Amino acid sequence: MRHANAELITRFYQAFQQLDAETMASCYAEDVRFSDPVFTDLRGTDAGDMWRMLCAKAQGFSLTFEGVAADEYSGRARWVATYVFSQTGKTVVNHIEASFVFRDGKIVEHHDRFNLWRWAAQALGTKGRLLGWLPPVQNAIRQQAAKGLAAFQKNR
């Protein structure tokens, strides 16, 4: 029998497959910390709002996941998101390694790892392929994403 926290991870990704951000956010503790190469430090409701924004904007979206494993304290999964990046219309296939920390049946830490240069090459095309490894370009990607999240939260 799988651990309850493995079931929690599965519920999170099954909700993501359905673009159900409310269920995704309900898997998080109120004081959750989320990070990935773009959103480097989201806390609390900001993490749930990021998923709400991404689900609301999703185009041509599909998701697969595998390798779900968890115990009482931590867990992991691998997932692949395929979608159209709205700013350029280019298709992105992003391979992600996720790690989790749990407390009281909720996710309290969620860290996603992926290659931001590879993402930029797909999402931005030639510019991303040639310049996506540069820290100023990666910082610009992060700043644009933060502005997008702030605008989404303001208009909610």
Protein backbone atom coordinates (compact mmCIF):
# COMPACT_ATOMS: atom_id res chain seq x y z
CA MET A 1 0.00 0.00 0.00
CA ARG A 2 1.31 3.43 -0.94
CA HIS A 3 1.98 6.01 1.73
CA ALA A 4 -0.69 8.71 2.20
CA ASN A 5 1.84 11.35 1.14
CA ALA A 6 2.40 9.52 -2.16
CA GLU A 7 -1.37 9.68 -2.63
CA LEU A 8 -1.21 13.42 -1.89
CA ILE A 9 1.39 13.92 -4.64
CA THR A 10 -0.74 11.85 -7.01
CA ARG A 11 -3.83 13.93 -6.17
CA PHE A 12 -1.81 17.12 -6.81
CA TYR A 13 -0.69 16.02 -10.30
CA GLN A 14 -4.04 14.49 -11.24
CA ALA A 15 -5.60 17.87 -10.40
CA PHE A 16 -2.94 19.59 -12.51
CA GLN A 17 -3.80 17.29 -15.43
CA GLN A 18 -7.36 18.66 -15.13
CA LEU A 19 -6.12 22.26 -14.64
CA ASP A 20 -7.82 22.20 -11.23
CA ALA A 21 -5.72 24.76 -9.37
CA GLU A 22 -8.04 24.85 -6.35
CA THR A 23 -7.44 21.18 -5.64
CA MET A 24 -3.72 21.68 -6.21
CA ALA A 25 -3.63 24.58 -3.74
CA SER A 26 -5.60 22.53 -1.19
CA CYS A 27 -2.71 20.05 -1.09
CA TYR A 28 -0.46 22.79 0.31
CA ALA A 29 -0.08 23.88 3.93
CA GLU A 30 -0.92 27.53 4.56
CA ASP A 31 2.78 28.32 5.04
CA VAL A 32 4.03 26.32 2.03
CA ARG A 33 7.30 27.30 0.35
CA PHE A 34 7.61 26.72 -3.40
CA SER A 35 10.61 27.21 -5.64
CA ASP A 36 11.66 26.50 -9.18
CA PRO A 37 14.14 28.16 -11.57
CA VAL A 38 11.57 30.86 -12.48
CA PHE A 39 9.61 31.39 -9.25
CA THR A 40 12.53 31.10 -6.86
CA ASP A 41 10.75 31.71 -3.53
CA LEU A 42 6.97 31.71 -3.27
CA ARG A 43 5.34 31.40 0.12
CA GLY A 44 1.82 30.75 1.33
CA THR A 45 -0.98 31.89 -0.95
CA ASP A 46 1.50 33.08 -3.60
CA ALA A 47 2.29 29.43 -4.40
CA GLY A 48 -1.37 28.53 -4.90
CA ASP A 49 -1.90 31.70 -6.93
CA MET A 50 0.97 30.73 -9.24
CA TRP A 51 -0.83 27.46 -10.05
CA ARG A 52 -4.13 29.34 -10.45
CA MET A 53 -2.45 31.69 -12.93
CA LEU A 54 -0.72 28.91 -14.86
CA CYS A 55 -3.90 26.82 -15.08
CA ALA A 56 -5.97 29.83 -16.17
CA LYS A 57 -3.50 30.69 -18.95
CA ALA A 58 -2.82 27.12 -20.10
CA GLN A 59 -2.99 26.51 -23.84
CA GLY A 60 -2.38 23.20 -25.57
CA PHE A 61 -1.64 21.75 -22.14
CA SER A 62 -0.95 18.16 -21.15
CA LEU A 63 0.91 16.63 -18.23
CA THR A 64 2.31 13.24 -17.37
CA PHE A 65 3.92 12.18 -14.12
CA GLU A 66 5.74 9.16 -12.76
CA GLY A 67 8.14 8.04 -10.08
CA VAL A 68 5.91 9.17 -7.22
CA ALA A 69 7.42 8.10 -3.91
CA ALA A 70 6.96 9.40 -0.39
CA ASP A 71 7.27 8.61 3.27
CA GLU A 72 6.13 10.47 6.36
CA TYR A 73 8.50 13.40 5.81
CA SER A 74 9.46 13.75 2.15
CA GLY A 75 8.62 12.72 -1.38
CA ARG A 76 9.46 13.09 -5.03
CA ALA A 77 8.06 12.79 -8.52
CA ARG A 78 9.02 13.38 -12.13
CA TRP A 79 6.64 15.20 -14.41
CA VAL A 80 6.50 16.53 -17.94
CA ALA A 81 4.37 19.52 -18.91
CA THR A 82 3.66 20.21 -22.58
CA TYR A 83 2.04 23.53 -23.44
CA VAL A 84 2.06 26.52 -25.74
CA PHE A 85 3.98 29.47 -24.26
CA SER A 86 1.45 32.26 -24.71
CA GLN A 87 3.96 35.07 -25.26
CA THR A 88 5.53 33.45 -28.32
CA GLY A 89 3.11 30.72 -29.41
CA LYS A 90 5.93 28.16 -29.21
CA THR A 91 5.42 24.68 -27.78
CA VAL A 92 7.37 23.81 -24.65
CA VAL A 93 8.02 20.30 -23.33
CA ASN A 94 9.41 20.79 -19.84
CA HIS A 95 10.89 17.86 -17.88
CA ILE A 96 10.77 18.51 -14.14
CA GLU A 97 12.09 16.78 -11.03
CA ALA A 98 10.00 17.60 -7.95
CA SER A 99 10.76 17.15 -4.28
CA PHE A 100 8.38 17.63 -1.38
CA VAL A 101 8.38 17.98 2.39
CA PHE A 102 5.21 17.12 4.33
CA ARG A 103 3.67 18.13 7.62
CA ASP A 104 0.27 17.05 8.97
CA GLY A 105 -0.88 15.58 5.66
CA LYS A 106 -0.06 18.66 3.59
CA ILE A 107 2.82 19.76 1.37
CA VAL A 108 4.90 22.32 3.29
CA GLU A 109 7.78 22.54 0.78
CA HIS A 110 7.70 21.94 -2.98
CA HIS A 111 10.84 22.36 -5.07
CA ASP A 112 10.83 21.84 -8.85
CA ARG A 113 14.06 21.53 -10.82
CA PHE A 114 14.41 21.93 -14.57
CA ASN A 115 16.91 23.35 -17.04
CA LEU A 116 15.96 27.01 -17.50
CA TRP A 117 18.20 27.36 -20.56
CA ARG A 118 16.44 24.42 -22.25
CA TRP A 119 13.08 25.97 -21.31
CA ALA A 120 14.14 29.37 -22.73
CA ALA A 121 15.31 27.76 -25.98
CA GLN A 122 11.88 26.19 -26.45
CA ALA A 123 9.77 29.11 -25.20
CA LEU A 124 11.75 31.98 -26.75
CA GLY A 125 13.25 30.31 -29.82
CA THR A 126 16.59 31.46 -31.21
CA LYS A 127 17.05 34.23 -28.63
CA GLY A 128 16.50 31.76 -25.80
CA ARG A 129 18.78 29.16 -27.38
CA LEU A 130 21.61 31.66 -27.86
CA LEU A 131 21.19 33.80 -24.75
CA GLY A 132 19.05 31.78 -22.33
CA TRP A 133 22.05 30.62 -20.31
CA LEU A 134 23.04 34.20 -19.43
CA PRO A 135 22.13 35.34 -15.89
CA PRO A 136 20.65 38.67 -17.12
CA VAL A 137 18.31 36.80 -19.48
CA GLN A 138 17.32 34.32 -16.78
CA ASN A 139 16.71 37.21 -14.36
CA ALA A 140 14.54 38.93 -16.97
CA ILE A 141 12.49 35.72 -17.29
CA ARG A 142 12.05 35.67 -13.49
CA GLN A 143 11.09 39.34 -13.37
CA GLN A 144 8.53 38.92 -16.16
CA ALA A 145 7.01 35.93 -14.37
CA ALA A 146 6.83 37.84 -11.07
CA LYS A 147 5.09 40.75 -12.82
CA GLY A 148 2.63 38.33 -14.39
CA LEU A 149 1.83 36.78 -11.02
CA ALA A 150 1.37 40.21 -9.40
CA ALA A 151 -0.98 41.30 -12.19
CA PHE A 152 -2.95 38.05 -11.89
CA GLN A 153 -3.29 38.52 -8.12
CA LYS A 154 -4.37 42.14 -8.53
CA ASN A 155 -7.11 41.19 -11.01
CA ARG A 156 -8.40 38.19 -9.06
